[in-house]
Amino acid sequence: MGDNSQTTLVSDKDGALWIGTTDQLYVLANPGAVLTNSSLFMREVSALQGQSIVDIAVDPQNNKWVATKEGVFVLDPDGIEIINEYNTDNSLLVSNDILSIGFDAFNGRCLIGTNEGLSVAHTTSLTPNESFSNLRCYPQPFTPEQHDYVVVEGLAGESSVHIASIDGTVVRVLDAGDSQKVVWDGTNQRGELVPTGVYYIGVGSETQDSSSVLKLAVVRK
């Protein structure tokens, strides 16, 4: 480790330890090795090289929300790719000088403390349910010219969502991963808006060995 000025530590869902310093982010893949005097496997996260890391939060999908002095960066579970970046230029963040960050996994909210006050980012990354008892989709009906997307929420862990026309033809498949919510923009697998009609939304969970079906009306103007 090139910088010994650690600023924050957090363990992710795979047991890896993420270490923030004043100019770099590191990940220790096998922190348990210290108990057996084994070799430690640590690497730099090159995507954030040179950034002063202030705080780190892990969401239900194991993405890393990293607070810096230049805004918030969201890394994929392995820390290889920046999948989102939030700052005052592209979001409602009140300041780029981030002081702390935390994740409300039950409501999918990222709470971001800055030197100018608190900001909240609403996401689809929520702790999954144990069943589909609270499954729902909205808005009903869905009008693509009026609404941005359909929300399907109340999913169990490791759910997949199959959207099919009334004759049973699957038009889109979505993977919810470890979240209890997914969104659908009303397009098929080719990116084309689906026509007016009634659609079945079938959901199934590998971890809960359960499934359920909803109906959704799509109305094109």
Protein backbone atom coordinates (compact mmCIF):
# COMPACT_ATOMS: atom_id res chain seq x y z
CA MET A 1 0.00 0.00 0.00
CA GLY A 2 1.54 3.25 -1.16
CA ASP A 3 -0.38 5.53 1.26
CA ASN A 4 -0.66 4.71 4.95
CA SER A 5 -3.17 7.53 5.62
CA GLN A 6 -6.29 5.37 5.81
CA THR A 7 -9.57 7.27 5.92
CA THR A 8 -12.23 4.53 5.89
CA LEU A 9 -12.70 0.75 5.96
CA VAL A 10 -15.70 -1.32 4.89
CA SER A 11 -16.34 -5.03 4.32
CA ASP A 12 -18.44 -6.01 1.29
CA LYS A 13 -20.86 -8.90 0.72
CA ASP A 14 -18.04 -11.18 -0.49
CA GLY A 15 -15.97 -10.59 2.64
CA ALA A 16 -13.42 -8.36 0.89
CA LEU A 17 -12.11 -5.33 2.80
CA TRP A 18 -12.18 -1.97 1.01
CA ILE A 19 -9.66 0.57 2.25
CA GLY A 20 -9.84 4.26 1.46
CA THR A 21 -6.81 6.53 1.72
CA THR A 22 -6.09 10.18 0.97
CA ASP A 23 -5.15 9.42 -2.64
CA GLN A 24 -6.27 5.89 -3.53
CA LEU A 25 -8.80 3.09 -3.00
CA TYR A 26 -7.55 -0.44 -2.24
CA VAL A 27 -9.29 -3.80 -1.83
CA LEU A 28 -8.00 -6.65 0.33
CA ALA A 29 -9.52 -9.84 -1.08
CA ASN A 30 -8.65 -12.17 1.84
CA PRO A 31 -8.57 -10.28 5.15
CA GLY A 32 -8.95 -13.57 7.03
CA ALA A 33 -5.41 -14.48 5.99
CA VAL A 34 -4.06 -12.43 8.90
CA LEU A 35 -5.35 -15.14 11.26
CA THR A 36 -3.27 -17.84 9.58
CA ASN A 37 -0.17 -15.85 8.67
CA SER A 38 -0.96 -16.42 4.99
CA SER A 39 -0.18 -14.02 2.16
CA LEU A 40 -2.51 -11.04 1.73
CA PHE A 41 -3.92 -10.28 -1.72
CA MET A 42 -4.35 -6.50 -2.06
CA ARG A 43 -4.79 -4.42 -5.19
CA GLU A 44 -5.30 -0.80 -6.11
CA VAL A 45 -8.62 0.23 -7.64
CA SER A 46 -7.27 1.98 -10.71
CA ALA A 47 -10.65 3.53 -11.61
CA LEU A 48 -10.25 5.96 -8.70
CA GLN A 49 -6.51 6.50 -8.78
CA GLY A 50 -5.58 9.88 -7.33
CA GLN A 51 -8.94 10.42 -5.61
CA SER A 52 -9.07 11.30 -1.93
CA ILE A 53 -11.41 8.65 -0.49
CA VAL A 54 -13.59 9.96 2.34
CA ASP A 55 -16.11 7.17 2.94
CA ILE A 56 -17.50 3.99 1.32
CA ALA A 57 -20.98 2.39 1.41
CA VAL A 58 -21.99 -1.02 0.01
CA ASP A 59 -25.48 -1.41 -1.49
CA PRO A 60 -27.58 -4.65 -1.64
CA GLN A 61 -26.15 -5.44 -5.10
CA ASN A 62 -22.61 -5.18 -3.70
CA ASN A 63 -21.86 -2.01 -5.65
CA LYS A 64 -19.51 0.42 -3.90
CA TRP A 65 -20.64 4.02 -3.34
CA VAL A 66 -17.45 6.00 -2.82
CA ALA A 67 -17.43 9.49 -1.32
CA THR A 68 -14.64 11.81 -2.48
CA LYS A 69 -13.84 15.52 -2.58
CA GLU A 70 -15.07 15.55 -6.18
CA GLY A 71 -18.48 13.91 -5.71
CA VAL A 72 -19.73 10.33 -5.44
CA PHE A 73 -18.53 7.44 -7.61
CA VAL A 74 -20.44 4.14 -7.88
CA LEU A 75 -18.24 1.13 -8.67
CA ASP A 76 -19.34 -2.32 -9.82
CA PRO A 77 -18.93 -5.16 -7.25
CA ASP A 78 -15.32 -5.84 -8.30
CA GLY A 79 -14.35 -2.18 -8.42
CA ILE A 80 -13.25 -2.47 -12.05
CA GLU A 81 -15.76 -0.10 -13.64
CA ILE A 82 -17.33 3.21 -12.64
CA ILE A 83 -21.03 2.60 -13.35
CA ASN A 84 -22.27 5.99 -12.12
CA GLU A 85 -20.88 9.32 -11.02
CA TYR A 86 -22.79 12.03 -9.15
CA ASN A 87 -21.68 15.64 -8.80
CA THR A 88 -23.20 19.11 -8.85
CA ASP A 89 -23.04 19.21 -12.66
CA ASN A 90 -25.14 16.11 -13.37
CA SER A 91 -27.34 15.70 -10.28
CA LEU A 92 -29.06 17.54 -7.43
CA LEU A 93 -26.05 16.97 -5.16
CA VAL A 94 -25.65 20.17 -3.13
CA SER A 95 -21.84 19.99 -2.99
CA ASN A 96 -18.99 17.89 -4.40
CA ASP A 97 -17.18 17.98 -1.04
CA ILE A 98 -18.56 14.74 0.44
CA LEU A 99 -18.11 14.13 4.18
CA SER A 100 -19.95 10.84 4.68
CA ILE A 101 -22.11 8.31 2.87
CA GLY A 102 -24.53 5.59 3.96
CA PHE A 103 -27.04 3.24 2.35
CA ASP A 104 -30.63 2.62 3.46
CA ALA A 105 -31.00 -0.87 1.98
CA PHE A 106 -34.69 -1.27 2.88
CA ASN A 107 -35.75 1.84 0.94
CA GLY A 108 -33.00 1.95 -1.71
CA ARG A 109 -31.75 5.37 -0.64
CA CYS A 110 -28.15 6.54 -0.54
CA LEU A 111 -27.67 9.26 2.10
CA ILE A 112 -24.87 11.65 1.20
CA GLY A 113 -23.51 14.10 3.75
CA THR A 114 -21.71 17.15 2.31
CA ASN A 115 -20.23 20.35 3.65
CA GLU A 116 -23.40 22.10 2.41
CA GLY A 117 -25.96 19.69 3.83
CA LEU A 118 -27.55 16.28 3.20
CA SER A 119 -28.45 14.90 -0.24
CA VAL A 120 -30.43 11.72 -0.97
CA ALA A 121 -30.11 9.52 -4.07
CA HIS A 122 -33.03 7.15 -4.75
CA THR A 123 -32.00 3.85 -6.37
CA THR A 124 -33.48 0.48 -7.32
CA SER A 125 -31.01 -1.37 -5.06
CA LEU A 126 -33.08 -2.67 -2.13
CA THR A 127 -32.80 -5.63 0.18
CA PRO A 128 -34.92 -8.38 -1.45
CA ASN A 129 -38.04 -9.78 0.19
CA GLU A 130 -38.33 -13.35 1.44
CA SER A 131 -41.37 -13.94 -0.79
CA PHE A 132 -43.55 -12.23 -3.41
CA SER A 133 -46.28 -11.30 -0.92
CA ASN A 134 -45.79 -7.56 -1.59
CA LEU A 135 -45.30 -7.85 -5.34
CA ARG A 136 -46.78 -5.02 -7.44
CA CYS A 137 -46.17 -3.03 -10.60
CA TYR A 138 -47.06 0.55 -11.47
CA PRO A 139 -48.22 2.80 -13.06
CA GLN A 140 -51.40 1.08 -14.26
CA PRO A 141 -51.94 1.54 -17.13
CA PHE A 142 -48.47 2.31 -18.44
CA THR A 143 -48.35 4.97 -21.16
CA PRO A 144 -44.84 5.23 -22.68
CA GLU A 145 -45.50 8.76 -23.97
CA GLN A 146 -46.43 9.86 -20.44
CA HIS A 147 -44.39 7.65 -18.09
CA ASP A 148 -40.65 6.99 -18.17
CA TYR A 149 -40.85 3.39 -16.97
CA VAL A 150 -42.78 0.66 -15.17
CA VAL A 151 -41.67 -0.23 -11.63
CA VAL A 152 -41.89 -3.87 -10.52
CA GLU A 153 -41.19 -4.13 -6.80
CA GLY A 154 -41.54 -6.56 -3.92
CA LEU A 155 -39.17 -9.09 -5.52
CA ALA A 156 -37.48 -11.92 -3.64
CA GLY A 157 -33.74 -12.60 -3.88
CA GLU A 158 -32.15 -13.50 -7.25
CA SER A 159 -35.37 -12.80 -9.16
CA SER A 160 -35.78 -12.77 -12.91
CA VAL A 161 -38.64 -10.89 -14.56
CA HIS A 162 -40.18 -12.10 -17.84
CA ILE A 163 -42.53 -9.72 -19.65
CA ALA A 164 -44.80 -11.48 -22.14
CA SER A 165 -47.62 -10.47 -24.48
CA ILE A 166 -51.12 -11.92 -24.02
CA ASP A 167 -50.28 -14.83 -26.38
CA GLY A 168 -47.32 -15.81 -24.21
CA THR A 169 -44.53 -14.38 -26.38
CA VAL A 170 -41.70 -13.12 -24.14
CA VAL A 171 -40.78 -9.56 -25.16
CA ARG A 172 -38.24 -8.70 -22.45
CA VAL A 173 -36.28 -10.42 -19.69
CA LEU A 174 -34.88 -8.46 -16.73
CA ASP A 175 -32.51 -9.66 -13.99
CA ALA A 176 -33.13 -8.13 -10.55
CA GLY A 177 -30.05 -9.63 -8.91
CA ASP A 178 -30.08 -8.89 -5.18
CA SER A 179 -32.55 -6.01 -5.44
CA GLN A 180 -36.29 -6.09 -4.70
CA LYS A 181 -37.08 -3.69 -7.53
CA VAL A 182 -36.55 -3.46 -11.30
CA VAL A 183 -37.72 -0.94 -13.89
CA TRP A 184 -38.87 -1.55 -17.47
CA ASP A 185 -38.91 1.18 -20.11
CA GLY A 186 -41.60 -0.47 -22.21
CA THR A 187 -39.27 -1.77 -24.91
CA ASN A 188 -38.63 -5.27 -26.22
CA GLN A 189 -35.29 -7.02 -26.52
CA ARG A 190 -34.54 -4.99 -29.68
CA GLY A 191 -35.16 -1.67 -27.94
CA GLU A 192 -38.50 -1.03 -29.66
CA LEU A 193 -41.56 0.17 -27.74
CA VAL A 194 -44.12 -2.61 -27.39
CA PRO A 195 -47.62 -2.02 -28.84
CA THR A 196 -50.80 -1.34 -26.87
CA GLY A 197 -52.08 -4.43 -25.07
CA VAL A 198 -52.15 -6.48 -21.91
CA TYR A 199 -48.86 -7.98 -20.77
CA TYR A 200 -47.99 -10.64 -18.22
CA ILE A 201 -45.15 -9.92 -15.81
CA GLY A 202 -43.85 -13.25 -14.56
CA VAL A 203 -41.32 -13.26 -11.73
CA GLY A 204 -39.36 -16.16 -10.26
CA SER A 205 -36.73 -16.45 -7.53
CA GLU A 206 -33.91 -19.01 -7.47
CA THR A 207 -33.21 -18.51 -3.78
CA GLN A 208 -36.85 -18.72 -2.61
CA ASP A 209 -38.04 -21.32 -5.15
CA SER A 210 -41.19 -19.30 -5.75
CA SER A 211 -42.90 -17.43 -8.57
CA SER A 212 -45.80 -15.09 -9.27
CA VAL A 213 -47.54 -13.31 -12.18
CA LEU A 214 -48.92 -9.78 -12.56
CA LYS A 215 -50.88 -8.17 -15.38
CA LEU A 216 -49.98 -4.80 -16.88
CA ALA A 217 -51.88 -2.71 -19.44
CA VAL A 218 -49.77 -0.77 -21.93
CA VAL A 219 -51.53 2.09 -23.72
CA ARG A 220 -49.80 3.79 -26.65
CA LYS A 221 -51.12 7.15 -27.80
